[in-house]
C-alpha atoms as a PDB file:
ATOM      1  CA  ILE A   1       0.194  -0.092   0.257  1.00  0.00           C
ATOM      2  CA  SER A   2       1.894   3.012  -1.234  1.00  0.00           C
ATOM      3  CA  ARG A   3       1.125   6.710  -0.834  1.00  0.00           C
ATOM      4  CA  LYS A   4       1.832   8.807  -3.476  1.00  0.00           C
ATOM      5  CA  GLY A   5       5.240  10.237  -3.290  1.00  0.00           C
ATOM      6  CA  GLU A   6       6.265   8.503  -0.511  1.00  0.00           C
ATOM      7  CA  SER A   7       9.845   6.789  -1.046  1.00  0.00           C
ATOM      8  CA  TYR A   8      10.820   2.923   0.128  1.00  0.00           C
ATOM      9  CA  GLN A   9      12.259   3.399   2.717  1.00  0.00           C
ATOM     10  CA  GLU A  10       9.705   5.461   4.063  1.00  0.00           C
ATOM     11  CA  LYS A  11       6.806   2.985   3.288  1.00  0.00           C
ATOM     12  CA  ASN A  12       9.214  -0.048   4.683  1.00  0.00           C
ATOM     13  CA  ALA A  13       9.068   2.129   8.308  1.00  0.00           C
ATOM     14  CA  ARG A  14       5.133   2.966   7.738  1.00  0.00           C
ATOM     15  CA  MET A  15       3.838  -0.831   6.999  1.00  0.00           C
ATOM     16  CA  GLY A  16       6.837  -1.973  10.255  1.00  0.00           C
ATOM     17  CA  ALA A  17       4.744   0.292  12.249  1.00  0.00           C
ATOM     18  CA  ALA A  18       1.549  -1.307  11.043  1.00  0.00           C
ATOM     19  CA  ALA A  19       2.663  -5.004  11.443  1.00  0.00           C
ATOM     20  CA  ALA A  20       4.543  -4.407  15.210  1.00  0.00           C
ATOM     21  CA  GLU A  21       0.719  -2.539  15.300  1.00  0.00           C
ATOM     22  CA  VAL A  22      -1.300  -5.414  14.019  1.00  0.00           C
ATOM     23  CA  VAL A  23       1.274  -8.439  15.741  1.00  0.00           C
ATOM     24  CA  ALA A  24       0.614  -6.278  18.940  1.00  0.00           C
ATOM     25  CA  GLY A  25      -3.436  -7.364  18.687  1.00  0.00           C
ATOM     26  CA  LEU A  26      -3.102 -10.738  18.374  1.00  0.00           C
ATOM     27  CA  GLY A  27      -2.881 -11.464  22.124  1.00  0.00           C
ATOM     28  CA  ARG A  28       0.201 -14.137  21.485  1.00  0.00           C
ATOM     29  CA  PRO A  29       3.879 -13.488  20.524  1.00  0.00           C
ATOM     30  CA  PHE A  30       4.470 -13.407  16.638  1.00  0.00           C
ATOM     31  CA  GLU A  31       8.084 -12.808  15.415  1.00  0.00           C
ATOM     32  CA  PHE A  32       8.901 -11.232  11.568  1.00  0.00           C
ATOM     33  CA  ARG A  33      11.346  -8.983  10.546  1.00  0.00           C
ATOM     34  CA  PRO A  34      10.395  -5.033   9.844  1.00  0.00           C
ATOM     35  CA  GLN A  35      12.469  -4.476   7.013  1.00  0.00           C
ATOM     36  CA  SER A  36      11.266  -7.946   4.516  1.00  0.00           C
ATOM     37  CA  ASN A  37       8.217  -8.865   3.203  1.00  0.00           C
ATOM     38  CA  ASP A  38       6.934 -10.630   6.145  1.00  0.00           C
ATOM     39  CA  VAL A  39       5.305  -6.993   7.190  1.00  0.00           C
ATOM     40  CA  ASN A  40       3.397  -7.168   3.508  1.00  0.00           C
ATOM     41  CA  ALA A  41       2.386 -11.048   5.516  1.00  0.00           C
ATOM     42  CA  VAL A  42       1.173  -9.691   8.371  1.00  0.00           C
ATOM     43  CA  VAL A  43      -0.481  -6.664   7.157  1.00  0.00           C
ATOM     44  CA  GLU A  44      -2.174  -9.389   4.439  1.00  0.00           C
ATOM     45  CA  VAL A  45      -3.226 -11.439   6.702  1.00  0.00           C
ATOM     46  CA  PHE A  46      -4.563 -10.054   9.876  1.00  0.00           C
ATOM     47  CA  GLY A  47      -5.780  -7.085   7.961  1.00  0.00           C
ATOM     48  CA  CYS A  48      -4.719  -3.579   9.943  1.00  0.00           C
ATOM     49  CA  GLN A  49      -7.114  -1.126  10.834  1.00  0.00           C
ATOM     50  CA  ALA A  50      -5.073   1.600  10.836  1.00  0.00           C
ATOM     51  CA  LEU A  51      -3.875   1.388   6.853  1.00  0.00           C
ATOM     52  CA  GLY A  52      -7.755   0.586   6.403  1.00  0.00           C
ATOM     53  CA  LYS A  53      -7.275  -3.530   4.954  1.00  0.00           C
ATOM     54  CA  VAL A  54      -9.122  -6.027   6.038  1.00  0.00           C
ATOM     55  CA  PRO A  55      -8.021  -9.561   6.383  1.00  0.00           C
ATOM     56  CA  ALA A  56      -7.202 -11.185   2.748  1.00  0.00           C
ATOM     57  CA  TYR A  57      -9.878 -13.865   4.427  1.00  0.00           C
ATOM     58  CA  LEU A  58     -12.158 -12.356   5.725  1.00  0.00           C
ATOM     59  CA  SER A  59     -13.005 -10.782   2.637  1.00  0.00           C
ATOM     60  CA  LYS A  60     -17.117 -10.622   1.163  1.00  0.00           C
ATOM     61  CA  ALA A  61     -15.676 -11.962  -2.110  1.00  0.00           C
ATOM     62  CA  LEU A  62     -13.916 -15.061  -0.584  1.00  0.00           C
ATOM     63  CA  ASP A  63     -16.915 -17.181   1.122  1.00  0.00           C
ATOM     64  CA  PHE A  64     -13.871 -19.452   3.825  1.00  0.00           C
ATOM     65  CA  SER A  65     -13.542 -19.918   6.762  1.00  0.00           C
ATOM     66  CA  PRO A  66     -10.899 -22.716   8.809  1.00  0.00           C
ATOM     67  CA  ASP A  67     -13.238 -22.957  11.665  1.00  0.00           C
ATOM     68  CA  GLY A  68     -13.397 -27.067  12.185  1.00  0.00           C
ATOM     69  CA  HIS A  69     -11.017 -28.218   8.733  1.00  0.00           C
ATOM     70  CA  HIS A  70      -8.135 -29.430   8.719  1.00  0.00           C
ATOM     71  CA  VAL A  71      -6.032 -27.181   6.367  1.00  0.00           C
ATOM     72  CA  LEU A  72      -3.006 -27.298   4.330  1.00  0.00           C
ATOM     73  CA  GLU A  73      -0.691 -24.947   3.314  1.00  0.00           C
ATOM     74  CA  LEU A  74       1.822 -24.829   1.246  1.00  0.00           C
ATOM     75  CA  GLY A  75       4.144 -21.858   0.929  1.00  0.00           C
ATOM     76  CA  GLY A  76       4.566 -21.450   5.334  1.00  0.00           C
ATOM     77  CA  HIS A  77       6.283 -18.545   5.164  1.00  0.00           C
ATOM     78  CA  ILE A  78       6.362 -17.366   8.869  1.00  0.00           C
ATOM     79  CA  GLY A  79       3.174 -18.853   9.776  1.00  0.00           C
ATOM     80  CA  ALA A  80       1.049 -15.481   9.535  1.00  0.00           C
ATOM     81  CA  PHE A  81      -1.788 -17.790   7.871  1.00  0.00           C
ATOM     82  CA  ALA A  82      -1.336 -20.935  10.328  1.00  0.00           C
ATOM     83  CA  VAL A  83      -1.717 -18.335  12.876  1.00  0.00           C
ATOM     84  CA  PHE A  84      -4.762 -17.084  11.778  1.00  0.00           C
ATOM     85  CA  ALA A  85      -6.884 -20.552  10.676  1.00  0.00           C
ATOM     86  CA  ALA A  86      -5.818 -22.049  13.706  1.00  0.00           C
ATOM     87  CA  LEU A  87      -6.963 -18.938  15.788  1.00  0.00           C
ATOM     88  CA  ARG A  88     -10.157 -18.898  13.604  1.00  0.00           C
ATOM     89  CA  GLY A  89     -10.993 -22.483  14.662  1.00  0.00           C
ATOM     90  CA  ALA A  90      -9.393 -24.984  12.658  1.00  0.00           C
ATOM     91  CA  ARG A  91      -8.527 -28.722  13.918  1.00  0.00           C
ATOM     92  CA  PHE A  92      -5.197 -29.006  12.815  1.00  0.00           C
ATOM     93  CA  VAL A  93      -3.033 -26.949  10.368  1.00  0.00           C
ATOM     94  CA  GLU A  94      -0.184 -28.415   8.161  1.00  0.00           C
ATOM     95  CA  GLY A  95       2.156 -26.489   6.736  1.00  0.00           C
ATOM     96  CA  TYR A  96       5.164 -26.532   3.972  1.00  0.00           C
ATOM     97  CA  GLU A  97       8.353 -23.976   4.473  1.00  0.00           C
ATOM     98  CA  PRO A  98      11.388 -24.824   2.620  1.00  0.00           C
ATOM     99  CA  HIS A  99      13.773 -21.671   4.174  1.00  0.00           C
ATOM    100  CA  PRO A 100      14.944 -22.096   7.299  1.00  0.00           C
ATOM    101  CA  ALA A 101      14.732 -18.789   8.165  1.00  0.00           C
ATOM    102  CA  ASN A 102      11.323 -18.583   7.685  1.00  0.00           C
ATOM    103  CA  ALA A 103      10.849 -22.518   8.915  1.00  0.00           C
ATOM    104  CA  ALA A 104      12.450 -21.038  12.601  1.00  0.00           C
ATOM    105  CA  LEU A 105       9.790 -17.957  12.320  1.00  0.00           C
ATOM    106  CA  TYR A 106       7.059 -20.245  11.530  1.00  0.00           C
ATOM    107  CA  ARG A 107       7.817 -22.931  14.416  1.00  0.00           C
ATOM    108  CA  SER A 108       8.172 -19.616  16.779  1.00  0.00           C
ATOM    109  CA  ASN A 109       5.146 -18.118  15.529  1.00  0.00           C
ATOM    110  CA  THR A 110       2.647 -21.291  15.994  1.00  0.00           C
ATOM    111  CA  LYS A 111       4.866 -22.561  19.476  1.00  0.00           C
ATOM    112  CA  GLY A 112       1.865 -23.933  21.852  1.00  0.00           C
ATOM    113  CA  LEU A 113      -0.896 -24.821  18.589  1.00  0.00           C
ATOM    114  CA  LEU A 114      -2.055 -26.765  16.966  1.00  0.00           C
ATOM    115  CA  VAL A 115       0.412 -26.771  14.006  1.00  0.00           C
ATOM    116  CA  LYS A 116       2.743 -29.083  12.095  1.00  0.00           C
ATOM    117  CA  LEU A 117       5.554 -27.851  10.256  1.00  0.00           C
ATOM    118  CA  ASN A 118       6.861 -30.033   7.406  1.00  0.00           C
ATOM    119  CA  GLU A 119      10.082 -27.788   6.438  1.00  0.00           C
ATOM    120  CA  ALA A 120      10.393 -28.622   2.412  1.00  0.00           C
ATOM    121  CA  ALA A 121       9.064 -27.246  -0.676  1.00  0.00           C
ATOM    122  CA  VAL A 122       5.940 -29.287  -2.092  1.00  0.00           C
ATOM    123  CA  ILE A 123       6.976 -29.963  -6.087  1.00  0.00           C
ATOM    124  CA  LYS A 124       5.491 -31.690  -8.739  1.00  0.00           C
ATOM    125  CA  ALA A 125       7.875 -32.971 -11.736  1.00  0.00           C
ATOM    126  CA  ASP A 126       7.206 -34.651 -14.580  1.00  0.00           C
ATOM    127  CA  ASP A 127       4.309 -37.313 -13.526  1.00  0.00           C
ATOM    128  CA  GLN A 128       5.433 -37.966 -10.147  1.00  0.00           C
ATOM    129  CA  GLU A 129       3.819 -36.192  -7.373  1.00  0.00           C
ATOM    130  CA  GLY A 130       5.777 -35.772  -3.665  1.00  0.00           C
ATOM    131  CA  THR A 131       7.614 -33.451  -1.710  1.00  0.00           C
ATOM    132  CA  GLU A 132      11.529 -32.863  -2.504  1.00  0.00           C
ATOM    133  CA  THR A 133      12.945 -32.900   0.717  1.00  0.00           C
ATOM    134  CA  GLY A 134      15.802 -29.999   1.851  1.00  0.00           C
ATOM    135  CA  GLY A 135      18.385 -32.485   1.559  1.00  0.00           C
ATOM    136  CA  GLY A 136      17.647 -32.953  -2.208  1.00  0.00           C
ATOM    137  CA  GLY A 137      16.134 -36.267  -2.031  1.00  0.00           C
ATOM    138  CA  TRP A 138      12.644 -37.968  -3.027  1.00  0.00           C
ATOM    139  CA  HIS A 139      10.384 -38.187  -0.833  1.00  0.00           C
ATOM    140  CA  SER A 140       6.320 -39.979  -2.660  1.00  0.00           C
ATOM    141  CA  GLU A 141       3.707 -40.693  -0.033  1.00  0.00           C
END
């Protein structure tokens, strides 16, 4: 959400402050990297009153509720959506995130919730389905 004439640094600082405000209202610990794309994920998933942004998954355009469902999250990033789903009644969230730094934040942010993280990327190559593990090995279930 850019403002006319706003520099990249100004936008980053404003978005970081907005994300910090959102996180403070969660009622549970949630870590993010202020000078990164993490702030966009926080604002997008949880919404931000100060920016006039409603949570993406509570939009009237979507008929979505994690309540009572098992939620599969591909590309878990830092766990914002997993926390959102768990706090909104998901029975269980299973996420996949291959990047080690993101996975560490995901684990920290979802601690104590019914969430499982697989530190792997989900891929489809040719006619095979499965997950590519961090070590380059193939695992098919």
